[in-house]
Amino acid sequence: MKQTDSPDEQYTGFSAEERAAMKEHAQEQKKATKRRGSRAEKEAAAARDVLAKIAEMPEADRVIAERVHEIVTTAAPDLKAKLWYGMPAYARDGKVLCHFQSAQKFGTRYSTLGFSDEASLDDGAMWPVAYALKELTPADERRIAALVGAAVR
């Protein structure tokens, strides 16, 4: 949301990117409720939707998203891939635990890997819940795997 700088400025509401993400989320919800078949078939279709969305991303985001997807699904095979506001997310019992947001989605300078309050990453009274991703080194990949592993405990 746009923040106002002075009392004289008017709140202009959500950005075009935010409105588009909300519409995309509503479409995802409708599509998910219309799906027929077994739970396994619905989960497989949701996973295909995630892979299709990753394939649509610009190359720089796509390369990172593909690695994050592989890391998350390997580190926590019980998490189910699904779209969440048009971005890849990984859920347990229907609740999103972590998600990837491409830089292109909101025109930011880096992609992010975020964790919800469902993730067991608590560390004292304050801890990070989102990480900027510009590229992934082997050390970064190990850190993401460790974070995801901790998050599902």
N, C-alpha and C. Protein backbone atom coordinates (compact mmCIF):
# COMPACT_ATOMS: atom_id res chain seq x y z
N MET A 1 0.84 -1.17 0.00
CA MET A 1 0.00 0.00 0.00
C MET A 1 0.88 1.24 0.00
N LYS A 2 0.38 2.28 -0.63
CA LYS A 2 1.13 3.52 -0.67
C LYS A 2 0.98 4.25 0.65
N GLN A 3 2.08 4.66 1.21
CA GLN A 3 2.07 5.44 2.44
C GLN A 3 1.99 6.92 2.08
N THR A 4 1.28 7.68 2.87
CA THR A 4 1.22 9.11 2.62
C THR A 4 2.35 9.79 3.37
N ASP A 5 2.91 10.85 2.76
CA ASP A 5 4.03 11.55 3.37
C ASP A 5 3.58 12.72 4.23
N SER A 6 2.40 13.24 3.98
CA SER A 6 1.92 14.38 4.76
C SER A 6 0.42 14.25 4.95
N PRO A 7 -0.12 14.98 5.91
CA PRO A 7 -1.57 14.91 6.14
C PRO A 7 -2.38 15.40 4.94
N ASP A 8 -1.77 16.22 4.07
CA ASP A 8 -2.49 16.76 2.92
C ASP A 8 -2.66 15.73 1.80
N GLU A 9 -1.80 14.69 1.78
CA GLU A 9 -1.89 13.67 0.72
C GLU A 9 -3.02 12.71 1.03
N GLN A 10 -3.67 12.24 -0.01
CA GLN A 10 -4.76 11.29 0.13
C GLN A 10 -4.25 9.88 -0.07
N TYR A 11 -4.80 8.97 0.69
CA TYR A 11 -4.50 7.55 0.51
C TYR A 11 -5.07 7.13 -0.84
N THR A 12 -4.25 6.50 -1.67
CA THR A 12 -4.69 6.12 -3.01
C THR A 12 -5.05 4.65 -3.13
N GLY A 13 -4.97 3.90 -2.07
CA GLY A 13 -5.35 2.49 -2.12
C GLY A 13 -4.23 1.58 -2.54
N PHE A 14 -4.60 0.40 -2.95
CA PHE A 14 -3.63 -0.61 -3.35
C PHE A 14 -3.02 -0.26 -4.70
N SER A 15 -1.78 -0.68 -4.88
CA SER A 15 -1.12 -0.48 -6.18
C SER A 15 -1.75 -1.42 -7.20
N ALA A 16 -1.46 -1.17 -8.47
CA ALA A 16 -1.97 -2.04 -9.53
C ALA A 16 -1.46 -3.46 -9.33
N GLU A 17 -0.20 -3.60 -8.91
CA GLU A 17 0.38 -4.93 -8.68
C GLU A 17 -0.32 -5.64 -7.52
N GLU A 18 -0.65 -4.90 -6.47
CA GLU A 18 -1.35 -5.50 -5.33
C GLU A 18 -2.76 -5.94 -5.72
N ARG A 19 -3.46 -5.09 -6.48
CA ARG A 19 -4.81 -5.46 -6.94
C ARG A 19 -4.75 -6.69 -7.83
N ALA A 20 -3.75 -6.75 -8.71
CA ALA A 20 -3.60 -7.91 -9.59
C ALA A 20 -3.34 -9.18 -8.78
N ALA A 21 -2.51 -9.08 -7.74
CA ALA A 21 -2.22 -10.24 -6.90
C ALA A 21 -3.48 -10.71 -6.17
N MET A 22 -4.30 -9.77 -5.70
CA MET A 22 -5.54 -10.16 -5.02
C MET A 22 -6.50 -10.83 -5.99
N LYS A 23 -6.60 -10.32 -7.22
CA LYS A 23 -7.47 -10.95 -8.22
C LYS A 23 -6.96 -12.35 -8.55
N GLU A 24 -5.65 -12.47 -8.66
CA GLU A 24 -5.06 -13.78 -8.96
C GLU A 24 -5.36 -14.76 -7.83
N HIS A 25 -5.27 -14.30 -6.58
CA HIS A 25 -5.57 -15.15 -5.43
C HIS A 25 -7.04 -15.61 -5.48
N ALA A 26 -7.94 -14.70 -5.82
CA ALA A 26 -9.36 -15.06 -5.91
C ALA A 26 -9.57 -16.12 -7.00
N GLN A 27 -8.89 -15.96 -8.14
CA GLN A 27 -9.00 -16.95 -9.21
C GLN A 27 -8.43 -18.30 -8.78
N GLU A 28 -7.32 -18.27 -8.03
CA GLU A 28 -6.73 -19.52 -7.52
C GLU A 28 -7.73 -20.24 -6.62
N GLN A 29 -8.40 -19.48 -5.76
CA GLN A 29 -9.36 -20.07 -4.83
C GLN A 29 -10.53 -20.69 -5.60
N LYS A 30 -11.04 -19.98 -6.61
CA LYS A 30 -12.14 -20.51 -7.41
C LYS A 30 -11.72 -21.79 -8.13
N LYS A 31 -10.53 -21.76 -8.72
CA LYS A 31 -10.03 -22.92 -9.46
C LYS A 31 -9.88 -24.12 -8.52
N ALA A 32 -9.35 -23.87 -7.32
CA ALA A 32 -9.14 -24.96 -6.36
C ALA A 32 -10.47 -25.57 -5.92
N THR A 33 -11.50 -24.75 -5.74
CA THR A 33 -12.78 -25.30 -5.29
C THR A 33 -13.52 -26.04 -6.40
N LYS A 34 -13.22 -25.70 -7.66
CA LYS A 34 -13.87 -26.38 -8.79
C LYS A 34 -13.19 -27.69 -9.17
N ARG A 35 -11.99 -27.90 -8.70
CA ARG A 35 -11.27 -29.13 -9.07
C ARG A 35 -11.99 -30.36 -8.55
N ARG A 36 -12.05 -31.34 -9.40
CA ARG A 36 -12.67 -32.61 -9.03
C ARG A 36 -11.56 -33.66 -8.94
N GLY A 37 -11.86 -34.73 -8.26
CA GLY A 37 -10.91 -35.82 -8.15
C GLY A 37 -10.50 -36.05 -6.71
N SER A 38 -9.60 -36.99 -6.55
CA SER A 38 -9.13 -37.32 -5.22
C SER A 38 -8.23 -36.21 -4.69
N ARG A 39 -7.95 -36.27 -3.43
CA ARG A 39 -7.05 -35.30 -2.80
C ARG A 39 -5.68 -35.32 -3.48
N ALA A 40 -5.19 -36.51 -3.77
CA ALA A 40 -3.88 -36.65 -4.43
C ALA A 40 -3.90 -36.01 -5.82
N GLU A 41 -5.01 -36.18 -6.54
CA GLU A 41 -5.13 -35.57 -7.88
C GLU A 41 -5.17 -34.04 -7.78
N LYS A 42 -5.86 -33.53 -6.79
CA LYS A 42 -5.93 -32.07 -6.59
C LYS A 42 -4.56 -31.52 -6.21
N GLU A 43 -3.84 -32.23 -5.35
CA GLU A 43 -2.50 -31.79 -4.96
C GLU A 43 -1.54 -31.83 -6.15
N ALA A 44 -1.65 -32.85 -6.98
CA ALA A 44 -0.80 -32.95 -8.17
C ALA A 44 -1.11 -31.80 -9.14
N ALA A 45 -2.38 -31.47 -9.29
CA ALA A 45 -2.76 -30.35 -10.17
C ALA A 45 -2.23 -29.03 -9.62
N ALA A 46 -2.29 -28.85 -8.30
CA ALA A 46 -1.76 -27.63 -7.69
C ALA A 46 -0.25 -27.53 -7.89
N ALA A 47 0.44 -28.66 -7.77
CA ALA A 47 1.89 -28.68 -8.00
C ALA A 47 2.21 -28.34 -9.45
N ARG A 48 1.41 -28.83 -10.38
CA ARG A 48 1.61 -28.49 -11.80
C ARG A 48 1.39 -26.99 -12.03
N ASP A 49 0.41 -26.41 -11.34
CA ASP A 49 0.16 -24.97 -11.45
C ASP A 49 1.38 -24.18 -10.98
N VAL A 50 2.00 -24.64 -9.90
CA VAL A 50 3.19 -23.96 -9.38
C VAL A 50 4.32 -24.03 -10.41
N LEU A 51 4.55 -25.21 -10.96
CA LEU A 51 5.62 -25.35 -11.95
C LEU A 51 5.34 -24.51 -13.20
N ALA A 52 4.08 -24.43 -13.60
CA ALA A 52 3.71 -23.60 -14.75
C ALA A 52 3.96 -22.12 -14.45
N LYS A 53 3.63 -21.69 -13.25
CA LYS A 53 3.86 -20.29 -12.86
C LYS A 53 5.35 -19.98 -12.83
N ILE A 54 6.15 -20.90 -12.31
CA ILE A 54 7.60 -20.71 -12.30
C ILE A 54 8.12 -20.60 -13.73
N ALA A 55 7.62 -21.43 -14.61
CA ALA A 55 8.07 -21.43 -16.01
C ALA A 55 7.77 -20.10 -16.70
N GLU A 56 6.76 -19.38 -16.25
CA GLU A 56 6.38 -18.09 -16.84
C GLU A 56 7.28 -16.94 -16.38
N MET A 57 8.03 -17.15 -15.32
CA MET A 57 8.83 -16.05 -14.75
C MET A 57 9.98 -15.65 -15.66
N PRO A 58 10.41 -14.39 -15.55
CA PRO A 58 11.62 -13.98 -16.27
C PRO A 58 12.79 -14.86 -15.82
N GLU A 59 13.77 -15.03 -16.67
CA GLU A 59 14.84 -15.99 -16.43
C GLU A 59 15.50 -15.87 -15.05
N ALA A 60 15.87 -14.66 -14.65
CA ALA A 60 16.57 -14.50 -13.37
C ALA A 60 15.72 -15.00 -12.21
N ASP A 61 14.43 -14.67 -12.21
CA ASP A 61 13.52 -15.14 -11.16
C ASP A 61 13.27 -16.63 -11.29
N ARG A 62 13.10 -17.09 -12.53
CA ARG A 62 12.79 -18.51 -12.78
C ARG A 62 13.90 -19.42 -12.26
N VAL A 63 15.14 -19.06 -12.51
CA VAL A 63 16.27 -19.89 -12.06
C VAL A 63 16.25 -20.03 -10.54
N ILE A 64 16.03 -18.93 -9.85
CA ILE A 64 15.99 -18.98 -8.38
C ILE A 64 14.76 -19.75 -7.91
N ALA A 65 13.61 -19.49 -8.52
CA ALA A 65 12.37 -20.16 -8.11
C ALA A 65 12.46 -21.67 -8.30
N GLU A 66 13.07 -22.10 -9.41
CA GLU A 66 13.24 -23.53 -9.65
C GLU A 66 14.10 -24.17 -8.55
N ARG A 67 15.17 -23.50 -8.17
CA ARG A 67 16.05 -24.05 -7.12
C ARG A 67 15.32 -24.06 -5.78
N VAL A 68 14.63 -22.96 -5.46
CA VAL A 68 13.89 -22.91 -4.19
C VAL A 68 12.86 -24.03 -4.16
N HIS A 69 12.15 -24.22 -5.26
CA HIS A 69 11.14 -25.29 -5.32
C HIS A 69 11.79 -26.65 -5.05
N GLU A 70 12.90 -26.91 -5.70
CA GLU A 70 13.60 -28.18 -5.50
C GLU A 70 14.07 -28.34 -4.06
N ILE A 71 14.63 -27.28 -3.50
CA ILE A 71 15.14 -27.33 -2.12
C ILE A 71 14.00 -27.59 -1.14
N VAL A 72 12.91 -26.83 -1.29
CA VAL A 72 11.79 -26.97 -0.35
C VAL A 72 11.17 -28.35 -0.45
N THR A 73 10.93 -28.83 -1.67
CA THR A 73 10.28 -30.14 -1.81
C THR A 73 11.18 -31.29 -1.37
N THR A 74 12.49 -31.08 -1.41
CA THR A 74 13.42 -32.10 -0.93
C THR A 74 13.55 -32.04 0.59
N ALA A 75 13.69 -30.83 1.14
CA ALA A 75 13.87 -30.67 2.58
C ALA A 75 12.61 -30.98 3.37
N ALA A 76 11.45 -30.76 2.75
CA ALA A 76 10.18 -30.98 3.45
C ALA A 76 9.18 -31.62 2.47
N PRO A 77 9.37 -32.90 2.16
CA PRO A 77 8.51 -33.55 1.16
C PRO A 77 7.03 -33.61 1.55
N ASP A 78 6.71 -33.40 2.81
CA ASP A 78 5.31 -33.42 3.22
C ASP A 78 4.58 -32.12 2.92
N LEU A 79 5.32 -31.05 2.63
CA LEU A 79 4.67 -29.80 2.27
C LEU A 79 4.07 -29.94 0.88
N LYS A 80 2.94 -29.31 0.65
CA LYS A 80 2.24 -29.38 -0.63
C LYS A 80 2.42 -28.04 -1.35
N ALA A 81 2.86 -28.12 -2.60
CA ALA A 81 3.03 -26.92 -3.42
C ALA A 81 1.66 -26.41 -3.85
N LYS A 82 1.50 -25.09 -3.84
CA LYS A 82 0.26 -24.47 -4.29
C LYS A 82 0.56 -23.03 -4.66
N LEU A 83 -0.32 -22.43 -5.42
CA LEU A 83 -0.17 -21.01 -5.72
C LEU A 83 -0.80 -20.20 -4.60
N TRP A 84 -0.17 -19.09 -4.28
CA TRP A 84 -0.65 -18.19 -3.23
C TRP A 84 -0.39 -16.78 -3.72
N TYR A 85 -1.45 -16.06 -4.03
CA TYR A 85 -1.34 -14.72 -4.63
C TYR A 85 -0.47 -14.76 -5.88
N GLY A 86 -0.61 -15.83 -6.64
CA GLY A 86 0.09 -15.96 -7.90
C GLY A 86 1.55 -16.35 -7.79
N MET A 87 1.98 -16.76 -6.64
CA MET A 87 3.38 -17.13 -6.43
C MET A 87 3.45 -18.53 -5.81
N PRO A 88 4.58 -19.23 -6.04
CA PRO A 88 4.75 -20.56 -5.45
C PRO A 88 4.74 -20.50 -3.92
N ALA A 89 4.00 -21.40 -3.32
CA ALA A 89 3.93 -21.50 -1.87
C ALA A 89 3.91 -22.97 -1.49
N TYR A 90 4.20 -23.24 -0.23
CA TYR A 90 4.30 -24.60 0.25
C TYR A 90 3.54 -24.67 1.57
N ALA A 91 2.56 -25.57 1.62
CA ALA A 91 1.61 -25.60 2.72
C ALA A 91 1.59 -26.93 3.45
N ARG A 92 1.16 -26.84 4.69
CA ARG A 92 0.91 -28.03 5.51
C ARG A 92 -0.51 -27.90 6.04
N ASP A 93 -1.30 -28.92 5.85
CA ASP A 93 -2.71 -28.91 6.27
C ASP A 93 -3.44 -27.69 5.70
N GLY A 94 -3.11 -27.32 4.46
CA GLY A 94 -3.77 -26.21 3.80
C GLY A 94 -3.28 -24.83 4.16
N LYS A 95 -2.38 -24.74 5.14
CA LYS A 95 -1.88 -23.44 5.59
C LYS A 95 -0.47 -23.20 5.05
N VAL A 96 -0.28 -22.07 4.41
CA VAL A 96 1.01 -21.74 3.82
C VAL A 96 2.07 -21.59 4.91
N LEU A 97 3.17 -22.30 4.72
CA LEU A 97 4.30 -22.27 5.64
C LEU A 97 5.40 -21.36 5.10
N CYS A 98 5.66 -21.45 3.78
CA CYS A 98 6.65 -20.58 3.17
C CYS A 98 6.25 -20.32 1.72
N HIS A 99 6.80 -19.24 1.17
CA HIS A 99 6.45 -18.86 -0.19
C HIS A 99 7.60 -18.12 -0.86
N PHE A 100 7.61 -18.18 -2.18
CA PHE A 100 8.59 -17.48 -2.99
C PHE A 100 7.87 -16.33 -3.68
N GLN A 101 8.50 -15.17 -3.69
CA GLN A 101 7.95 -14.03 -4.42
C GLN A 101 9.00 -13.53 -5.39
N SER A 102 8.68 -13.55 -6.67
CA SER A 102 9.65 -13.10 -7.68
C SER A 102 9.81 -11.58 -7.62
N ALA A 103 10.98 -11.12 -8.00
CA ALA A 103 11.25 -9.68 -8.03
C ALA A 103 10.29 -8.99 -8.99
N GLN A 104 9.99 -9.65 -10.09
CA GLN A 104 9.13 -9.08 -11.11
C GLN A 104 7.71 -8.84 -10.60
N LYS A 105 7.23 -9.65 -9.67
CA LYS A 105 5.83 -9.58 -9.22
C LYS A 105 5.43 -8.18 -8.77
N PHE A 106 6.27 -7.54 -7.98
CA PHE A 106 5.96 -6.21 -7.49
C PHE A 106 7.01 -5.18 -7.90
N GLY A 107 7.84 -5.56 -8.88
CA GLY A 107 8.84 -4.64 -9.38
C GLY A 107 9.92 -4.29 -8.37
N THR A 108 10.31 -5.28 -7.57
CA THR A 108 11.35 -5.04 -6.57
C THR A 108 12.71 -5.46 -7.12
N ARG A 109 13.77 -5.12 -6.42
CA ARG A 109 15.10 -5.41 -6.94
C ARG A 109 15.60 -6.80 -6.57
N TYR A 110 14.84 -7.55 -5.80
CA TYR A 110 15.22 -8.92 -5.45
C TYR A 110 13.99 -9.76 -5.19
N SER A 111 14.13 -11.04 -5.37
CA SER A 111 13.08 -12.01 -5.02
C SER A 111 13.16 -12.24 -3.52
N THR A 112 12.11 -12.83 -2.96
CA THR A 112 12.14 -13.14 -1.53
C THR A 112 11.62 -14.55 -1.26
N LEU A 113 12.14 -15.12 -0.19
CA LEU A 113 11.62 -16.36 0.38
C LEU A 113 11.06 -15.96 1.72
N GLY A 114 9.76 -16.13 1.89
CA GLY A 114 9.11 -15.72 3.13
C GLY A 114 8.52 -16.89 3.87
N PHE A 115 8.39 -16.72 5.18
CA PHE A 115 7.81 -17.73 6.05
C PHE A 115 6.64 -17.13 6.80
N SER A 116 5.58 -17.90 6.97
CA SER A 116 4.41 -17.43 7.71
C SER A 116 4.57 -17.76 9.19
N ASP A 117 3.57 -17.36 9.96
CA ASP A 117 3.58 -17.67 11.38
C ASP A 117 3.38 -19.17 11.64
N GLU A 118 3.06 -19.93 10.61
CA GLU A 118 2.96 -21.39 10.73
C GLU A 118 4.34 -22.04 10.84
N ALA A 119 5.38 -21.32 10.40
CA ALA A 119 6.74 -21.85 10.43
C ALA A 119 7.30 -21.80 11.84
N SER A 120 7.96 -22.86 12.24
CA SER A 120 8.54 -22.94 13.59
C SER A 120 9.96 -22.38 13.58
N LEU A 121 10.07 -21.09 13.30
CA LEU A 121 11.38 -20.44 13.25
C LEU A 121 11.63 -19.53 14.45
N ASP A 122 10.74 -19.58 15.42
CA ASP A 122 10.85 -18.70 16.58
C ASP A 122 12.24 -18.79 17.21
N ASP A 123 12.81 -17.61 17.47
CA ASP A 123 14.13 -17.53 18.09
C ASP A 123 14.15 -16.31 18.99
N GLY A 124 13.74 -16.50 20.24
CA GLY A 124 13.66 -15.37 21.17
C GLY A 124 12.43 -14.53 20.88
N ALA A 125 12.56 -13.22 21.03
CA ALA A 125 11.44 -12.31 20.83
C ALA A 125 11.41 -11.71 19.43
N MET A 126 12.46 -11.97 18.62
CA MET A 126 12.51 -11.40 17.28
C MET A 126 13.33 -12.31 16.37
N TRP A 127 12.82 -12.55 15.14
CA TRP A 127 13.53 -13.38 14.17
C TRP A 127 13.09 -12.99 12.76
N PRO A 128 13.92 -13.26 11.77
CA PRO A 128 13.55 -12.92 10.39
C PRO A 128 12.50 -13.89 9.85
N VAL A 129 11.62 -13.36 9.02
CA VAL A 129 10.61 -14.20 8.38
C VAL A 129 10.64 -14.08 6.85
N ALA A 130 11.55 -13.27 6.31
CA ALA A 130 11.71 -13.15 4.87
C ALA A 130 13.17 -12.93 4.54
N TYR A 131 13.59 -13.49 3.42
CA TYR A 131 14.98 -13.42 3.00
C TYR A 131 15.06 -12.95 1.55
N ALA A 132 15.91 -11.97 1.30
CA ALA A 132 16.13 -11.48 -0.05
C ALA A 132 16.99 -12.49 -0.80
N LEU A 133 16.63 -12.73 -2.06
CA LEU A 133 17.36 -13.68 -2.90
C LEU A 133 17.72 -13.02 -4.22
N LYS A 134 19.00 -12.78 -4.44
CA LYS A 134 19.45 -12.23 -5.72
C LYS A 134 20.10 -13.32 -6.56
N GLU A 135 20.68 -14.30 -5.90
CA GLU A 135 21.25 -15.49 -6.53
C GLU A 135 21.39 -16.52 -5.43
N LEU A 136 21.66 -17.75 -5.80
CA LEU A 136 21.80 -18.81 -4.81
C LEU A 136 23.15 -19.49 -4.95
N THR A 137 23.92 -19.42 -3.89
CA THR A 137 25.18 -20.15 -3.82
C THR A 137 24.90 -21.49 -3.13
N PRO A 138 25.82 -22.43 -3.19
CA PRO A 138 25.62 -23.68 -2.44
C PRO A 138 25.39 -23.44 -0.94
N ALA A 139 26.08 -22.46 -0.38
CA ALA A 139 25.88 -22.14 1.05
C ALA A 139 24.46 -21.61 1.28
N ASP A 140 23.96 -20.77 0.38
CA ASP A 140 22.59 -20.26 0.48
C ASP A 140 21.59 -21.40 0.40
N GLU A 141 21.83 -22.32 -0.50
CA GLU A 141 20.93 -23.46 -0.66
C GLU A 141 20.89 -24.31 0.60
N ARG A 142 22.04 -24.52 1.22
CA ARG A 142 22.07 -25.29 2.48
C ARG A 142 21.31 -24.53 3.57
N ARG A 143 21.46 -23.22 3.60
CA ARG A 143 20.76 -22.42 4.61
C ARG A 143 19.25 -22.50 4.40
N ILE A 144 18.81 -22.40 3.15
CA ILE A 144 17.36 -22.51 2.88
C ILE A 144 16.85 -23.88 3.30
N ALA A 145 17.59 -24.94 2.98
CA ALA A 145 17.17 -26.29 3.38
C ALA A 145 17.06 -26.39 4.90
N ALA A 146 18.02 -25.80 5.60
CA ALA A 146 17.98 -25.83 7.08
C ALA A 146 16.79 -25.03 7.62
N LEU A 147 16.53 -23.87 7.02
CA LEU A 147 15.39 -23.06 7.45
C LEU A 147 14.07 -23.79 7.23
N VAL A 148 13.93 -24.40 6.06
CA VAL A 148 12.70 -25.14 5.75
C VAL A 148 12.57 -26.34 6.70
N GLY A 149 13.67 -27.03 6.94
CA GLY A 149 13.65 -28.15 7.87
C GLY A 149 13.22 -27.72 9.27
N ALA A 150 13.74 -26.59 9.72
CA ALA A 150 13.36 -26.07 11.04
C ALA A 150 11.90 -25.61 11.04
N ALA A 151 11.48 -25.02 9.95
CA ALA A 151 10.12 -24.49 9.86
C ALA A 151 9.05 -25.56 10.00
N VAL A 152 9.32 -26.76 9.56
CA VAL A 152 8.31 -27.82 9.61
C VAL A 152 8.32 -28.61 10.91
N ARG A 153 9.24 -28.34 11.77
CA ARG A 153 9.28 -29.08 13.05
C ARG A 153 8.12 -28.76 13.93
